[in-house]
């Protein structure tokens, strides 16, 4: 039994280290979750900005088409011809 008693402090030290590692893992998990939430918030904000910019661009395009319908039709015709030539090749 003396051999077992001599090893007991090692078991306690190992248990303490495992508990410490478990605490560090829990803290790391919490930090990663917070980082993920932060990135999601930032990404959501960027998505809103992109949607707003796209909406403004569409409104500007619509305004330009209403002001110059013949020019818009000419541009659309030209793009269609170029696209047709590319597709036929």
C-alpha atoms as a PDB file:
ATOM      1  CA  UNK A   1       0.000   0.000   0.000  1.00  0.00           C
ATOM      2  CA  UNK A   2       2.888   2.346   0.442  1.00  0.00           C
ATOM      3  CA  UNK A   3       3.372   2.504  -3.332  1.00  0.00           C
ATOM      4  CA  UNK A   4      -0.249   3.596  -3.783  1.00  0.00           C
ATOM      5  CA  UNK A   5       0.005   6.280  -1.108  1.00  0.00           C
ATOM      6  CA  UNK A   6       3.145   7.658  -2.745  1.00  0.00           C
ATOM      7  CA  UNK A   7       1.281   8.110  -6.051  1.00  0.00           C
ATOM      8  CA  UNK A   8      -1.792   9.806  -4.567  1.00  0.00           C
ATOM      9  CA  UNK A   9      -0.358  13.339  -4.672  1.00  0.00           C
ATOM     10  CA  UNK A  10       0.231  12.870  -8.424  1.00  0.00           C
ATOM     11  CA  UNK A  11      -3.419  11.943  -8.871  1.00  0.00           C
ATOM     12  CA  UNK A  12      -4.514  15.075  -7.033  1.00  0.00           C
ATOM     13  CA  UNK A  13      -2.155  17.227  -9.071  1.00  0.00           C
ATOM     14  CA  UNK A  14      -3.465  15.678 -12.290  1.00  0.00           C
ATOM     15  CA  UNK A  15      -7.069  16.200 -11.193  1.00  0.00           C
ATOM     16  CA  UNK A  16      -6.320  19.837 -10.386  1.00  0.00           C
ATOM     17  CA  UNK A  17      -4.697  20.332 -13.778  1.00  0.00           C
ATOM     18  CA  UNK A  18      -7.672  18.744 -15.535  1.00  0.00           C
ATOM     19  CA  UNK A  19     -10.057  21.012 -13.628  1.00  0.00           C
ATOM     20  CA  UNK A  20      -7.934  24.037 -14.543  1.00  0.00           C
ATOM     21  CA  UNK A  21      -7.924  23.012 -18.195  1.00  0.00           C
ATOM     22  CA  UNK A  22     -11.691  22.492 -18.085  1.00  0.00           C
ATOM     23  CA  UNK A  23     -12.128  26.014 -16.683  1.00  0.00           C
ATOM     24  CA  UNK A  24      -9.896  27.428 -19.420  1.00  0.00           C
ATOM     25  CA  UNK A  25     -11.886  25.560 -22.076  1.00  0.00           C
ATOM     26  CA  UNK A  26     -15.153  26.916 -20.654  1.00  0.00           C
ATOM     27  CA  UNK A  27     -13.730  30.449 -20.679  1.00  0.00           C
ATOM     28  CA  UNK A  28     -12.453  29.973 -24.226  1.00  0.00           C
ATOM     29  CA  UNK A  29     -15.847  28.667 -25.347  1.00  0.00           C
ATOM     30  CA  UNK A  30     -17.557  31.716 -23.829  1.00  0.00           C
ATOM     31  CA  UNK A  31     -15.057  34.066 -25.510  1.00  0.00           C
ATOM     32  CA  UNK A  32     -15.598  32.371 -28.884  1.00  0.00           C
ATOM     33  CA  UNK A  33     -19.377  32.658 -28.512  1.00  0.00           C
ATOM     34  CA  UNK A  34     -19.044  36.363 -27.708  1.00  0.00           C
ATOM     35  CA  UNK A  35     -16.724  36.847 -30.684  1.00  0.00           C
ATOM     36  CA  UNK A  36     -19.193  35.047 -32.940  1.00  0.00           C
ATOM     37  CA  UNK A  37     -22.013  37.273 -31.737  1.00  0.00           C
ATOM     38  CA  UNK A  38     -19.874  40.359 -32.295  1.00  0.00           C
ATOM     39  CA  UNK A  39     -18.982  39.267 -35.830  1.00  0.00           C
ATOM     40  CA  UNK A  40     -22.649  38.533 -36.542  1.00  0.00           C
ATOM     41  CA  UNK A  41     -23.631  42.011 -35.377  1.00  0.00           C
ATOM     42  CA  UNK A  42     -20.915  43.603 -37.517  1.00  0.00           C
ATOM     43  CA  UNK A  43     -21.890  41.456 -40.498  1.00  0.00           C
ATOM     44  CA  UNK A  44     -25.540  42.384 -40.061  1.00  0.00           C
ATOM     45  CA  UNK A  45     -24.620  46.051 -39.972  1.00  0.00           C
ATOM     46  CA  UNK A  46     -22.551  45.688 -43.144  1.00  0.00           C
ATOM     47  CA  UNK A  47     -25.410  43.825 -44.852  1.00  0.00           C
ATOM     48  CA  UNK A  48     -27.774  46.678 -43.984  1.00  0.00           C
ATOM     49  CA  UNK A  49     -25.311  49.200 -45.421  1.00  0.00           C
ATOM     50  CA  UNK A  50     -24.995  47.173 -48.629  1.00  0.00           C
ATOM     51  CA  UNK A  51     -28.770  46.872 -48.964  1.00  0.00           C
ATOM     52  CA  UNK A  52     -29.126  50.616 -48.447  1.00  0.00           C
ATOM     53  CA  UNK A  53     -26.451  51.372 -51.059  1.00  0.00           C
ATOM     54  CA  UNK A  54     -28.070  48.961 -53.538  1.00  0.00           C
ATOM     55  CA  UNK A  55     -31.461  50.549 -52.948  1.00  0.00           C
ATOM     56  CA  UNK A  56     -30.042  54.012 -53.564  1.00  0.00           C
ATOM     57  CA  UNK A  57     -28.339  52.815 -56.753  1.00  0.00           C
ATOM     58  CA  UNK A  58     -31.575  51.285 -58.035  1.00  0.00           C
ATOM     59  CA  UNK A  59     -33.457  54.506 -57.299  1.00  0.00           C
ATOM     60  CA  UNK A  60     -30.808  56.531 -59.138  1.00  0.00           C
ATOM     61  CA  UNK A  61     -30.973  54.153 -62.124  1.00  0.00           C
ATOM     62  CA  UNK A  62     -34.760  54.345 -62.182  1.00  0.00           C
ATOM     63  CA  UNK A  63     -34.612  58.141 -62.086  1.00  0.00           C
ATOM     64  CA  UNK A  64     -32.105  58.214 -64.967  1.00  0.00           C
ATOM     65  CA  UNK A  65     -34.249  55.850 -67.049  1.00  0.00           C
ATOM     66  CA  UNK A  66     -37.340  58.003 -66.468  1.00  0.00           C
ATOM     67  CA  UNK A  67     -35.456  61.163 -67.441  1.00  0.00           C
ATOM     68  CA  UNK A  68     -33.890  59.627 -70.567  1.00  0.00           C
ATOM     69  CA  UNK A  69     -35.987  56.679 -71.746  1.00  0.00           C
ATOM     70  CA  UNK A  70     -34.628  56.661 -75.317  1.00  0.00           C
ATOM     71  CA  UNK A  71     -31.043  56.623 -74.105  1.00  0.00           C
ATOM     72  CA  UNK A  72     -31.870  53.785 -71.720  1.00  0.00           C
ATOM     73  CA  UNK A  73     -33.492  51.794 -74.523  1.00  0.00           C
ATOM     74  CA  UNK A  74     -30.490  52.403 -76.778  1.00  0.00           C
ATOM     75  CA  UNK A  75     -28.093  51.207 -74.070  1.00  0.00           C
ATOM     76  CA  UNK A  76     -30.259  48.134 -73.417  1.00  0.00           C
ATOM     77  CA  UNK A  77     -30.352  47.393 -77.160  1.00  0.00           C
ATOM     78  CA  UNK A  78     -26.560  47.736 -77.428  1.00  0.00           C
ATOM     79  CA  UNK A  79     -25.962  45.481 -74.450  1.00  0.00           C
ATOM     80  CA  UNK A  80     -28.380  42.938 -75.935  1.00  0.00           C
ATOM     81  CA  UNK A  81     -26.557  42.961 -79.275  1.00  0.00           C
ATOM     82  CA  UNK A  82     -23.161  42.539 -77.612  1.00  0.00           C
ATOM     83  CA  UNK A  83     -24.507  39.724 -75.435  1.00  0.00           C
ATOM     84  CA  UNK A  84     -26.048  38.037 -78.471  1.00  0.00           C
ATOM     85  CA  UNK A  85     -22.772  38.197 -80.401  1.00  0.00           C
ATOM     86  CA  UNK A  86     -20.857  36.732 -77.454  1.00  0.00           C
ATOM     87  CA  UNK A  87     -23.366  33.927 -76.947  1.00  0.00           C
ATOM     88  CA  UNK A  88     -23.414  32.981 -80.643  1.00  0.00           C
ATOM     89  CA  UNK A  89     -19.638  32.555 -80.758  1.00  0.00           C
END
